[in-house]
Amino acid sequence: MTYRHTLSLNPSKIRAIAHRRMALAALHADSSLSTRLSRYHHHMSQARALEAQQGVTHGA
């Protein structure tokens, strides 16, 4: 059931997912390359910090 999975997410995981999505959106924005990369790196560092608090890893 999908509800069980959704309810098991804690606020830090949700925020980390949101920051990952914002990071990807930043790459596709209509801005200069330096601005897009700056925003991407900012959101990815936020996502990594939130995931580190929870001990979550992605890929490898």
N, C-alpha and C. Protein backbone atom coordinates (compact mmCIF):
# COMPACT_ATOMS: atom_id res chain seq x y z
N MET A 1 0.85 -1.18 0.00
CA MET A 1 0.00 0.00 0.00
C MET A 1 0.90 1.24 0.00
N THR A 2 0.60 2.19 -0.83
CA THR A 2 1.42 3.39 -0.94
C THR A 2 1.28 4.30 0.27
N TYR A 3 0.15 4.25 0.95
CA TYR A 3 -0.04 5.11 2.11
C TYR A 3 0.97 4.80 3.21
N ARG A 4 1.26 3.53 3.39
CA ARG A 4 2.20 3.14 4.44
C ARG A 4 3.57 3.73 4.16
N HIS A 5 3.99 3.69 2.88
CA HIS A 5 5.30 4.25 2.51
C HIS A 5 5.31 5.76 2.70
N THR A 6 4.26 6.42 2.29
CA THR A 6 4.18 7.88 2.41
C THR A 6 4.19 8.30 3.88
N LEU A 7 3.47 7.59 4.70
CA LEU A 7 3.39 7.96 6.11
C LEU A 7 4.69 7.66 6.85
N SER A 8 5.50 6.76 6.30
CA SER A 8 6.75 6.42 6.99
C SER A 8 7.83 7.46 6.75
N LEU A 9 7.64 8.35 5.80
CA LEU A 9 8.62 9.41 5.56
C LEU A 9 8.57 10.43 6.69
N ASN A 10 9.74 10.80 7.17
CA ASN A 10 9.76 11.83 8.20
C ASN A 10 10.04 13.18 7.53
N PRO A 11 9.84 14.26 8.24
CA PRO A 11 10.01 15.59 7.64
C PRO A 11 11.40 15.83 7.04
N SER A 12 12.45 15.27 7.62
CA SER A 12 13.79 15.46 7.07
C SER A 12 13.93 14.79 5.72
N LYS A 13 13.35 13.60 5.57
CA LYS A 13 13.39 12.92 4.28
C LYS A 13 12.61 13.69 3.23
N ILE A 14 11.47 14.20 3.62
CA ILE A 14 10.64 14.97 2.69
C ILE A 14 11.38 16.21 2.24
N ARG A 15 12.01 16.90 3.18
CA ARG A 15 12.77 18.11 2.83
C ARG A 15 13.96 17.77 1.93
N ALA A 16 14.63 16.63 2.20
CA ALA A 16 15.76 16.22 1.38
C ALA A 16 15.31 15.95 -0.05
N ILE A 17 14.17 15.26 -0.20
CA ILE A 17 13.63 15.00 -1.53
C ILE A 17 13.28 16.31 -2.23
N ALA A 18 12.69 17.23 -1.49
CA ALA A 18 12.33 18.53 -2.07
C ALA A 18 13.57 19.27 -2.54
N HIS A 19 14.65 19.24 -1.75
CA HIS A 19 15.88 19.93 -2.15
C HIS A 19 16.50 19.28 -3.38
N ARG A 20 16.43 17.96 -3.48
CA ARG A 20 16.93 17.29 -4.68
C ARG A 20 16.15 17.71 -5.92
N ARG A 21 14.84 17.82 -5.78
CA ARG A 21 14.01 18.26 -6.91
C ARG A 21 14.29 19.71 -7.27
N MET A 22 14.50 20.56 -6.25
CA MET A 22 14.83 21.96 -6.53
C MET A 22 16.18 22.06 -7.21
N ALA A 23 17.12 21.18 -6.83
CA ALA A 23 18.44 21.18 -7.46
C ALA A 23 18.33 20.85 -8.94
N LEU A 24 17.54 19.84 -9.26
CA LEU A 24 17.35 19.49 -10.67
C LEU A 24 16.62 20.59 -11.43
N ALA A 25 15.65 21.21 -10.79
CA ALA A 25 14.93 22.32 -11.42
C ALA A 25 15.86 23.49 -11.68
N ALA A 26 16.80 23.71 -10.78
CA ALA A 26 17.75 24.81 -10.95
C ALA A 26 18.58 24.64 -12.21
N LEU A 27 18.90 23.40 -12.55
CA LEU A 27 19.70 23.16 -13.76
C LEU A 27 18.95 23.52 -15.03
N HIS A 28 17.62 23.46 -14.98
CA HIS A 28 16.81 23.73 -16.16
C HIS A 28 16.24 25.14 -16.19
N ALA A 29 16.60 25.96 -15.23
CA ALA A 29 16.07 27.31 -15.13
C ALA A 29 16.63 28.19 -16.26
N ASP A 30 15.95 29.28 -16.51
CA ASP A 30 16.37 30.22 -17.54
C ASP A 30 17.26 31.28 -16.89
N SER A 31 18.45 30.84 -16.50
CA SER A 31 19.43 31.71 -15.83
C SER A 31 20.80 31.43 -16.42
N SER A 32 21.77 32.21 -16.00
CA SER A 32 23.14 31.96 -16.45
C SER A 32 23.65 30.64 -15.88
N LEU A 33 24.65 30.10 -16.52
CA LEU A 33 25.21 28.83 -16.06
C LEU A 33 25.72 28.93 -14.63
N SER A 34 26.40 30.01 -14.30
CA SER A 34 26.95 30.14 -12.95
C SER A 34 25.83 30.20 -11.90
N THR A 35 24.73 30.88 -12.23
CA THR A 35 23.60 30.95 -11.31
C THR A 35 22.95 29.59 -11.14
N ARG A 36 22.75 28.87 -12.25
CA ARG A 36 22.15 27.54 -12.18
C ARG A 36 23.00 26.59 -11.36
N LEU A 37 24.32 26.61 -11.59
CA LEU A 37 25.21 25.73 -10.84
C LEU A 37 25.26 26.09 -9.36
N SER A 38 25.24 27.37 -9.06
CA SER A 38 25.25 27.82 -7.67
C SER A 38 23.99 27.33 -6.94
N ARG A 39 22.85 27.48 -7.58
CA ARG A 39 21.60 27.03 -6.97
C ARG A 39 21.59 25.51 -6.83
N TYR A 40 22.07 24.81 -7.86
CA TYR A 40 22.13 23.35 -7.82
C TYR A 40 22.98 22.89 -6.64
N HIS A 41 24.19 23.44 -6.52
CA HIS A 41 25.08 23.04 -5.44
C HIS A 41 24.50 23.37 -4.06
N HIS A 42 23.84 24.51 -3.96
CA HIS A 42 23.22 24.89 -2.69
C HIS A 42 22.17 23.86 -2.28
N HIS A 43 21.26 23.52 -3.19
CA HIS A 43 20.19 22.59 -2.86
C HIS A 43 20.72 21.18 -2.62
N MET A 44 21.73 20.76 -3.37
CA MET A 44 22.29 19.43 -3.15
C MET A 44 23.00 19.35 -1.80
N SER A 45 23.68 20.41 -1.40
CA SER A 45 24.34 20.38 -0.09
C SER A 45 23.30 20.33 1.03
N GLN A 46 22.18 21.02 0.84
CA GLN A 46 21.11 20.96 1.83
C GLN A 46 20.54 19.54 1.90
N ALA A 47 20.32 18.92 0.74
CA ALA A 47 19.77 17.56 0.71
C ALA A 47 20.74 16.58 1.38
N ARG A 48 22.02 16.71 1.07
CA ARG A 48 23.01 15.81 1.67
C ARG A 48 23.08 15.98 3.18
N ALA A 49 22.98 17.20 3.65
CA ALA A 49 23.02 17.46 5.09
C ALA A 49 21.81 16.83 5.78
N LEU A 50 20.64 16.97 5.18
CA LEU A 50 19.44 16.38 5.76
C LEU A 50 19.52 14.85 5.74
N GLU A 51 20.05 14.30 4.67
CA GLU A 51 20.18 12.84 4.59
C GLU A 51 21.22 12.32 5.56
N ALA A 52 22.27 13.08 5.79
CA ALA A 52 23.30 12.67 6.74
C ALA A 52 22.73 12.58 8.16
N GLN A 53 21.79 13.46 8.48
CA GLN A 53 21.15 13.42 9.79
C GLN A 53 20.39 12.12 9.97
N GLN A 54 19.83 11.60 8.89
CA GLN A 54 19.02 10.39 8.94
C GLN A 54 19.78 9.13 8.59
N GLY A 55 20.99 9.27 8.08
CA GLY A 55 21.78 8.12 7.67
C GLY A 55 21.27 7.51 6.37
N VAL A 56 20.70 8.34 5.50
CA VAL A 56 20.15 7.88 4.22
C VAL A 56 21.23 7.99 3.15
N THR A 57 21.32 6.98 2.28
CA THR A 57 22.25 7.05 1.16
C THR A 57 21.50 6.82 -0.13
N HIS A 58 21.95 7.47 -1.22
CA HIS A 58 21.35 7.30 -2.54
C HIS A 58 22.41 6.83 -3.49
N GLY A 59 22.08 5.84 -4.29
CA GLY A 59 22.99 5.35 -5.32
C GLY A 59 24.29 4.85 -4.75
N ALA A 60 25.19 4.45 -5.63
CA ALA A 60 26.54 4.08 -5.23
C ALA A 60 27.21 3.28 -6.29
